Protein backbone atom coordinates (compact mmCIF):
# COMPACT_ATOMS: atom_id res chain seq x y z
CA MET A 1 136.94 122.31 -7.63
CA ALA A 2 134.65 123.84 -5.02
CA SER A 3 136.13 124.32 -1.57
CA LEU A 4 133.61 123.12 0.98
CA PRO A 5 133.70 122.52 4.73
CA VAL A 6 133.86 118.96 5.95
CA SER A 7 130.22 119.17 7.05
CA ASP A 8 128.08 121.45 4.91
CA PRO A 9 124.91 122.24 6.89
CA ALA A 10 123.08 123.07 3.65
CA LEU A 11 123.26 119.43 2.55
CA PRO A 12 121.13 116.60 3.97
CA VAL A 13 124.00 114.09 4.27
CA SER A 14 127.28 114.69 6.13
CA ILE A 15 130.51 112.78 6.41
CA ASP A 16 129.44 111.78 9.92
CA ASP A 17 126.30 110.20 8.45
CA VAL A 18 128.40 108.16 6.04
CA ARG A 19 130.84 107.07 8.72
CA ALA A 20 127.96 106.04 10.98
CA ALA A 21 126.43 104.10 8.10
CA HIS A 22 129.70 102.27 7.53
CA ALA A 23 129.96 101.25 11.16
CA ARG A 24 126.33 100.14 11.05
CA ILE A 25 126.44 97.97 7.92
CA ALA A 26 130.05 96.74 7.91
CA PRO A 27 129.34 93.42 9.71
CA SER A 28 126.81 92.38 7.05
CA ILE A 29 128.29 93.78 3.81
CA VAL A 30 131.13 92.34 1.79
CA ARG A 31 134.14 94.64 2.02
CA THR A 32 134.91 94.29 -1.65
CA PRO A 33 138.51 94.68 -2.83
CA THR A 34 139.92 97.78 -4.51
CA LEU A 35 142.68 96.55 -6.80
CA ILE A 36 145.01 98.20 -9.27
CA SER A 37 144.65 97.17 -12.91
CA ARG A 38 148.05 97.43 -14.51
CA THR A 39 146.76 96.58 -17.97
CA LEU A 40 143.94 99.13 -17.89
CA SER A 41 146.38 101.68 -16.48
CA GLU A 42 148.67 101.19 -19.48
CA LEU A 43 145.70 101.32 -21.83
CA THR A 44 144.22 104.57 -20.47
CA GLY A 45 147.31 106.47 -19.31
CA ALA A 46 145.91 106.75 -15.76
CA THR A 47 146.66 104.71 -12.66
CA VAL A 48 143.42 102.75 -12.43
CA TYR A 49 142.03 101.21 -9.24
CA LEU A 50 138.86 99.12 -9.52
CA LYS A 51 136.35 98.72 -6.69
CA PHE A 52 134.68 95.35 -7.24
CA GLU A 53 131.16 96.01 -5.95
CA ASN A 54 129.95 93.32 -8.34
CA LEU A 55 131.23 90.89 -5.69
CA GLN A 56 128.50 91.79 -3.20
CA PHE A 57 126.13 88.90 -2.49
CA THR A 58 123.46 90.36 -4.81
CA ALA A 59 126.21 91.57 -7.19
CA ALA A 60 125.65 95.29 -6.65
CA TYR A 61 126.42 98.15 -4.26
CA LYS A 62 122.69 98.78 -3.68
CA GLU A 63 122.80 96.52 -0.64
CA ARG A 64 124.65 99.22 1.30
CA GLY A 65 121.96 101.89 1.21
CA ALA A 66 119.15 99.38 1.61
CA LEU A 67 120.69 97.86 4.73
CA ASN A 68 121.52 101.25 6.23
CA THR A 69 117.86 102.22 5.84
CA LEU A 70 116.49 98.96 7.24
CA LEU A 71 118.70 99.15 10.34
CA GLN A 72 117.31 102.59 11.20
CA LEU A 73 113.63 101.62 11.07
CA SER A 74 111.57 101.55 14.25
CA ASP A 75 110.29 98.23 15.54
CA GLU A 76 106.80 99.22 14.42
CA ALA A 77 107.97 100.02 10.89
CA ARG A 78 109.89 96.75 10.71
CA ALA A 79 106.81 94.80 11.73
CA LYS A 80 104.64 96.41 9.04
CA GLY A 81 107.30 95.93 6.36
CA VAL A 82 108.94 97.86 3.56
CA ILE A 83 108.04 98.46 -0.06
CA ALA A 84 109.98 99.58 -3.13
CA ALA A 85 109.47 100.04 -6.84
CA SER A 86 112.37 98.54 -8.73
CA ALA A 87 113.15 96.12 -11.53
CA GLY A 88 116.84 95.91 -10.78
CA ASN A 89 119.56 95.85 -8.15
CA HIS A 90 117.67 97.91 -5.54
CA ALA A 91 114.92 95.28 -5.47
CA GLN A 92 117.34 92.46 -4.82
CA GLY A 93 119.45 94.33 -2.28
CA LEU A 94 116.42 95.40 -0.26
CA ALA A 95 114.73 91.99 -0.49
CA TYR A 96 117.89 90.15 0.56
CA HIS A 97 118.60 92.18 3.69
CA ALA A 98 114.93 92.52 4.64
CA ASN A 99 114.62 88.73 4.57
CA ARG A 100 117.82 88.35 6.58
CA LEU A 101 116.47 90.76 9.22
CA GLY A 102 112.96 89.30 9.27
CA VAL A 103 111.35 92.40 7.75
CA PRO A 104 108.50 91.76 5.29
CA ALA A 105 109.33 93.22 1.87
CA THR A 106 107.08 94.02 -1.07
CA ILE A 107 108.61 94.90 -4.44
CA VAL A 108 106.50 96.37 -7.24
CA MET A 109 107.89 95.71 -10.71
CA PRO A 110 106.61 96.60 -14.19
CA ARG A 111 104.83 93.70 -15.91
CA ASN A 112 107.54 93.53 -18.59
CA THR A 113 110.34 92.91 -16.08
CA PRO A 114 112.51 89.97 -17.23
CA THR A 115 111.50 86.74 -15.51
CA VAL A 116 115.01 86.17 -14.15
CA LYS A 117 114.84 89.42 -12.14
CA VAL A 118 111.42 88.51 -10.77
CA THR A 119 112.54 85.05 -9.68
CA GLN A 120 115.78 86.34 -8.16
CA THR A 121 113.83 88.83 -6.05
CA GLN A 122 111.27 86.21 -5.05
CA ALA A 123 114.14 83.94 -4.01
CA HIS A 124 114.76 86.41 -1.18
CA ARG A 125 111.15 85.83 -0.06
CA ALA A 126 109.91 89.22 -1.15
CA ASP A 127 106.29 89.62 -2.23
CA VAL A 128 106.66 90.66 -5.89
CA ILE A 129 103.75 92.54 -7.48
CA LEU A 130 103.76 93.12 -11.24
CA GLU A 131 101.94 96.34 -12.04
CA GLY A 132 101.92 98.64 -15.08
CA ASP A 133 104.00 98.66 -18.21
CA THR A 134 106.49 101.32 -17.06
CA PHE A 135 108.56 102.08 -13.99
CA ASP A 136 106.43 105.18 -13.35
CA ALA A 137 103.29 103.03 -13.15
CA ALA A 138 104.99 100.57 -10.79
CA TYR A 139 106.25 103.47 -8.66
CA ALA A 140 102.77 105.00 -8.41
CA HIS A 141 101.30 101.66 -7.34
CA ALA A 142 104.00 101.20 -4.71
CA ARG A 143 103.24 104.61 -3.21
CA LEU A 144 99.53 103.71 -3.17
CA LEU A 145 100.24 100.48 -1.27
CA GLU A 146 102.49 102.42 1.10
CA SER A 147 99.59 104.63 2.16
CA GLU A 148 96.99 101.83 2.20
CA ARG A 149 98.98 99.26 4.17
CA GLY A 150 101.35 101.35 6.25
CA PHE A 151 104.52 100.10 4.58
CA THR A 152 107.74 102.13 4.70
CA PHE A 153 108.73 103.15 1.20
CA VAL A 154 112.44 102.71 0.51
CA HIS A 155 113.48 104.95 -2.36
CA PRO A 156 116.27 103.65 -4.62
CA PHE A 157 118.30 106.89 -4.42
CA ASP A 158 116.52 110.02 -3.14
CA ASP A 159 116.80 109.35 0.61
CA PRO A 160 119.57 110.53 2.99
CA ARG A 161 119.83 107.06 4.54
CA ILE A 162 120.31 105.48 1.11
CA ILE A 163 122.86 108.12 0.11
CA ALA A 164 124.85 107.67 3.33
CA GLY A 165 124.92 103.90 2.82
CA GLN A 166 126.14 104.20 -0.75
CA GLY A 167 128.86 106.62 0.34
CA THR A 168 130.52 103.81 2.28
CA VAL A 169 131.96 102.63 -1.04
CA ALA A 170 134.26 105.67 -1.03
CA VAL A 171 135.17 105.20 2.63
CA GLU A 172 136.61 101.78 1.81
CA MET A 173 138.30 102.86 -1.41
CA LEU A 174 140.15 105.74 0.22
CA GLU A 175 141.10 103.69 3.28
CA ASP A 176 142.55 100.96 1.05
CA HIS A 177 144.27 103.34 -1.40
CA PRO A 178 144.71 106.85 -0.01
CA ASP A 179 146.66 107.92 -3.11
CA ILE A 180 143.47 108.01 -5.23
CA ASP A 181 142.96 111.59 -6.42
CA THR A 182 139.94 111.11 -8.72
CA LEU A 183 136.74 109.14 -8.24
CA VAL A 184 134.79 108.18 -11.39
CA VAL A 185 131.22 107.22 -10.50
CA PRO A 186 128.21 106.13 -12.60
CA ILE A 187 125.09 108.28 -12.18
CA GLY A 188 121.52 107.08 -12.49
CA GLY A 189 119.38 108.74 -9.84
CA GLY A 190 122.50 110.05 -8.11
CA GLY A 191 122.54 108.22 -4.78
CA LEU A 192 125.96 106.61 -5.20
CA ILE A 193 127.80 109.70 -6.41
CA SER A 194 126.14 111.91 -3.75
CA GLY A 195 127.40 109.66 -0.97
CA MET A 196 130.85 109.18 -2.47
CA ALA A 197 131.28 112.90 -3.14
CA THR A 198 130.43 113.59 0.51
CA VAL A 199 133.38 111.41 1.51
CA ALA A 200 135.71 112.93 -1.08
CA ARG A 201 134.98 116.50 0.05
CA ALA A 202 135.75 115.56 3.66
CA ALA A 203 139.23 114.27 2.77
CA ALA A 204 142.29 116.16 3.93
CA ARG A 205 143.46 116.61 0.33
CA PRO A 206 141.76 117.49 -2.97
CA ILE A 207 139.90 114.60 -4.61
CA GLU A 208 138.04 115.17 -7.84
CA VAL A 209 134.64 113.53 -8.36
CA VAL A 210 133.53 112.89 -11.94
CA GLY A 211 130.12 111.47 -12.74
CA VAL A 212 129.32 109.31 -15.78
CA GLN A 213 126.04 108.96 -17.62
CA ALA A 214 125.06 107.12 -20.79
CA GLU A 215 124.55 109.47 -23.75
CA LEU A 216 121.02 108.10 -24.12
CA TYR A 217 120.04 109.06 -20.53
CA PRO A 218 121.80 112.34 -19.57
CA SER A 219 119.20 113.30 -16.96
CA MET A 220 121.55 114.56 -14.22
CA TYR A 221 123.77 116.16 -16.86
CA ASN A 222 120.73 118.09 -18.09
CA ARG A 223 119.77 119.16 -14.57
CA ILE A 224 123.25 120.41 -13.68
CA ASN A 225 124.12 122.00 -17.02
CA ALA A 226 120.66 123.39 -17.87
CA THR A 227 120.56 121.42 -21.13
CA GLN A 228 117.68 119.55 -22.73
CA LEU A 229 119.29 116.49 -24.28
CA ALA A 230 116.83 113.68 -24.96
CA CYS A 231 116.51 110.88 -22.40
CA ALA A 232 115.35 107.82 -24.30
CA GLY A 233 116.59 104.70 -26.01
CA ASP A 234 117.67 101.14 -25.38
CA THR A 235 120.93 101.52 -23.47
CA LEU A 236 123.26 98.76 -22.33
CA ALA A 237 123.49 100.65 -19.02
CA GLU A 238 119.85 100.15 -18.01
CA GLY A 239 120.87 100.37 -14.34
CA ILE A 240 121.53 104.10 -14.76
CA ALA A 241 118.80 104.78 -17.35
CA VAL A 242 116.92 107.25 -15.14
CA LYS A 243 114.80 109.95 -16.76
CA GLU A 244 114.41 112.10 -13.64
CA PRO A 245 117.18 112.38 -11.02
CA GLY A 246 116.28 112.89 -7.39
CA GLY A 247 115.72 116.29 -5.82
CA ILE A 248 118.06 115.60 -2.91
CA THR A 249 120.71 114.01 -5.12
CA ALA A 250 120.57 116.80 -7.71
CA GLN A 251 121.21 119.32 -4.93
CA MET A 252 124.20 117.34 -3.68
CA VAL A 253 125.65 116.70 -7.15
CA ALA A 254 125.43 120.40 -7.96
CA ARG A 255 127.39 121.29 -4.82
CA LEU A 256 129.88 118.43 -4.64
CA VAL A 257 130.64 116.97 -8.09
CA ASP A 258 133.26 118.51 -10.37
CA GLU A 259 131.97 117.33 -13.73
CA ILE A 260 129.64 114.90 -15.47
CA VAL A 261 130.78 113.22 -18.69
CA LEU A 262 128.69 111.25 -21.18
CA VAL A 263 129.65 107.94 -22.79
CA SER A 264 128.41 106.22 -25.94
CA GLU A 265 126.93 102.76 -26.22
CA ARG A 266 130.05 101.64 -28.05
CA SER A 267 132.26 102.78 -25.15
CA LEU A 268 130.02 100.91 -22.70
CA GLU A 269 130.25 97.74 -24.78
CA GLU A 270 134.02 98.03 -25.03
CA ALA A 271 134.32 98.51 -21.27
CA VAL A 272 132.18 95.46 -20.45
CA SER A 273 134.26 93.37 -22.84
CA LEU A 274 137.61 94.63 -21.55
CA LEU A 275 136.69 93.98 -17.93
CA LEU A 276 135.81 90.39 -18.76
CA GLN A 277 138.89 89.81 -20.90
CA ILE A 278 141.45 91.66 -18.77
CA GLU A 279 140.12 91.48 -15.21
CA LYS A 280 138.11 88.25 -15.68
CA THR A 281 135.13 89.93 -14.02
CA VAL A 282 131.53 90.23 -15.21
CA VAL A 283 129.90 93.67 -14.97
CA GLU A 284 126.64 95.06 -16.27
CA GLY A 285 126.54 98.10 -18.53
CA ALA A 286 126.09 100.54 -15.65
CA GLY A 287 128.93 98.87 -13.77
CA ALA A 288 131.27 99.47 -16.70
CA ALA A 289 130.38 103.16 -17.11
CA GLY A 290 133.38 104.39 -15.12
CA LEU A 291 135.86 102.54 -17.31
CA ALA A 292 133.89 103.67 -20.39
CA ALA A 293 134.55 107.26 -19.31
CA LEU A 294 138.31 106.63 -19.16
CA LEU A 295 138.21 105.06 -22.62
CA ALA A 296 136.06 107.83 -24.13
CA HIS A 297 137.83 110.78 -22.46
CA PRO A 298 141.46 109.69 -21.98
CA GLU A 299 142.82 113.25 -21.93
CA ARG A 300 140.55 114.05 -18.95
CA PHE A 301 142.12 111.36 -16.76
CA ARG A 302 145.64 110.87 -18.11
CA GLY A 303 148.22 111.01 -15.32
CA ARG A 304 145.60 110.83 -12.55
CA THR A 305 145.21 108.13 -9.92
CA VAL A 306 141.64 107.09 -10.57
CA GLY A 307 139.22 105.03 -8.49
CA VAL A 308 136.53 103.39 -10.63
CA VAL A 309 133.46 101.72 -9.11
CA LEU A 310 132.29 98.52 -10.79
CA CYS A 311 128.89 99.07 -9.25
CA GLY A 312 127.05 95.96 -10.46
CA GLY A 313 127.39 92.63 -12.20
CA ASN A 314 123.82 91.64 -13.04
CA ILE A 315 123.80 91.29 -16.82
CA ASP A 316 121.72 88.91 -18.91
CA THR A 317 123.96 86.13 -20.23
CA ARG A 318 122.62 86.39 -23.78
CA LEU A 319 123.22 90.14 -23.78
CA LEU A 320 126.76 89.58 -22.49
CA ALA A 321 127.39 87.09 -25.30
CA ASN A 322 126.18 89.65 -27.86
CA VAL A 323 128.48 92.31 -26.42
CA LEU A 324 131.49 89.99 -26.60
CA LEU A 325 130.74 88.90 -30.17
CA ARG A 326 130.29 92.51 -31.29
CA ASP A 327 133.65 93.35 -29.73
CA LEU A 328 135.27 90.48 -31.64
CA ALA A 329 133.75 91.83 -34.85
CA ARG A 330 134.98 95.38 -34.23
CA SER A 331 138.49 94.12 -33.55
CA GLY A 332 138.60 92.10 -36.79
CA ARG A 333 138.75 88.73 -35.05
CA LEU A 334 135.24 87.87 -36.19
CA ALA A 335 133.89 88.96 -39.59
CA ARG A 336 131.24 88.38 -42.21
CA LEU A 337 132.48 88.72 -45.79
CA ARG A 338 130.06 89.06 -48.73
CA LEU A 339 131.22 87.64 -52.08
CA GLN A 340 129.65 87.48 -55.53
CA LEU A 341 130.04 84.05 -57.15
CA GLN A 342 128.84 82.23 -60.22
CA ASP A 343 126.25 79.56 -59.44
CA GLN A 344 128.21 76.60 -60.82
CA PRO A 345 130.10 73.58 -59.46
CA GLY A 346 133.48 74.37 -57.92
CA ALA A 347 132.80 78.09 -57.37
CA LEU A 348 132.82 77.79 -53.59
CA TYR A 349 135.80 75.42 -53.66
CA GLY A 350 137.98 78.14 -55.14
CA VAL A 351 137.05 80.52 -52.34
CA MET A 352 137.78 77.86 -49.71
CA ARG A 353 141.30 77.43 -51.11
CA VAL A 354 142.04 81.10 -50.43
CA PHE A 355 140.74 80.81 -46.85
CA ASP A 356 142.88 77.71 -46.35
CA ARG A 357 145.97 79.40 -47.76
CA GLU A 358 145.52 82.40 -45.44
CA ARG A 359 144.71 80.14 -42.44
CA VAL A 360 141.40 81.84 -41.66
CA ASN A 361 138.77 79.66 -39.97
CA ILE A 362 135.27 79.49 -41.53
CA ILE A 363 132.35 79.42 -39.07
CA GLU A 364 129.23 79.65 -41.25
CA ILE A 365 128.37 79.98 -44.97
CA TYR A 366 125.12 81.47 -46.30
CA HIS A 367 123.98 81.39 -49.96
CA GLN A 368 121.44 83.82 -51.45
CA ARG A 369 120.20 83.02 -54.96
CA VAL A 370 116.71 84.57 -55.10
CA PHE A 371 116.64 87.90 -53.27
CA THR A 372 119.47 89.55 -55.18
CA THR A 373 119.92 91.96 -58.10
CA LEU A 374 122.53 89.71 -59.68
CA PRO A 375 121.81 87.80 -62.91
CA ALA A 376 120.09 84.43 -62.55
CA LYS A 377 123.43 82.59 -62.75
CA GLY A 378 124.92 84.64 -59.95
CA LEU A 379 124.66 84.30 -56.19
CA ILE A 380 125.62 86.12 -53.04
CA THR A 381 127.64 84.20 -50.46
CA ASP A 382 128.15 85.45 -46.92
CA ILE A 383 130.98 83.76 -45.03
CA GLU A 384 131.40 84.23 -41.28
CA CYS A 385 135.01 83.69 -40.36
CA GLU A 386 137.53 83.95 -37.54
CA ALA A 387 140.89 85.70 -37.93
CA ARG A 388 143.74 86.39 -35.51
CA ASP A 389 143.34 90.17 -35.71
CA ARG A 390 142.44 93.03 -38.07
CA ALA A 391 145.70 92.73 -40.05
CA HIS A 392 145.10 89.01 -40.61
CA LEU A 393 141.57 89.72 -41.86
CA ASP A 394 142.84 92.46 -44.17
CA ARG A 395 145.35 90.04 -45.73
CA LEU A 396 142.52 87.60 -46.45
CA ILE A 397 140.44 90.29 -48.19
CA VAL A 398 143.43 91.32 -50.33
CA ALA A 399 144.08 87.67 -51.26
CA LEU A 400 140.44 87.14 -52.26
CA ARG A 401 140.47 90.23 -54.49
CA GLU A 402 143.75 89.19 -56.07
CA ALA A 403 142.12 85.85 -56.86
CA GLY A 404 139.41 87.71 -58.79
CA TYR A 405 136.57 87.75 -56.28
CA GLU A 406 134.37 90.74 -55.47
CA VAL A 407 134.34 90.89 -51.67
CA ARG A 408 133.38 93.38 -48.97
CA PRO A 409 133.04 93.15 -45.19
CA VAL A 410 129.52 93.34 -43.76
CA ASP A 411 129.92 95.98 -41.07
CA LEU A 412 128.08 96.19 -37.75
CA ALA A 413 125.17 98.61 -37.82
């Protein structure tokens, strides 16, 4: 771990900036709880504290930096208004506090932004402009409107005022639980981890700072480690799917962060599911990245007292349902079994008797007679079923084979 002074003059954000930001925004931001998770601690081998930033009014930490920036604008800048390019939590956080403060806000979003995000942002009385098919196109249009109309552009991460505001998350965590010795922080553009690492380095004792990125979008990892891993794909953690990190944040991460780890899509899905099942809290993919790191790299954190930021809770309900169902399938509680049967009366009845004997619940049954390589008198039957656990499912498969049926599980892709 690098040994740095409390205030490093080479960096654009100091601990004093973060403390001032906290005093500035505290009256209008939810001081979210930081709570120990005994179950997740047992599961990971670390002492795990969770910071529930998904309980902010807009369900994400982004409010902190946005408000800190708005409160430092001149009266003239407030009158003209602010503008941002965002299809996510930054848009809602900025729109919410701008509306509360009476500052006109314009948000430029790509045309393919989900309708729910557009309507949520409009609900905060922001002027939403749909422009371009990519974030880069929306960003370029926002910068054009900034120059044409005199708006103040509020960057989602590469701004000292934003970084200082996000760092207030760590101020609260370490005040509430000073025994935390490791902070695990998701990285997209790097604003959150830059601010939190500033606080950690100013502490009177060593505190490690570990960043987390999705394997599909290792942009900051590439910048810090001089690698060229691809940044592309459809990640569950779209909130941190950033192709180019900020210049300011990359400088701060290089100086202040101990390590960046990468997590798979499967680890992200598992983390989202565990947080709902164990902590009864809904998080988006990016918000679960910290826990995903503990699950994917248990040896890295075993024995540590770890603070994990649940940075956001804005996840599409259909996507959340898919994640939970996939987790049930991986655990053996939900399965699809494929059987070969003879196309004659009573064939399915014999199979049902085995399911009944093993007390496995049948959800759906699908027959395929035409698109199969079996003889004309054969058919493929897929049966979706519900078991207690993997061992229960395995007993059913053994019983079906002992009864003379050809059966195999249909695995997740």
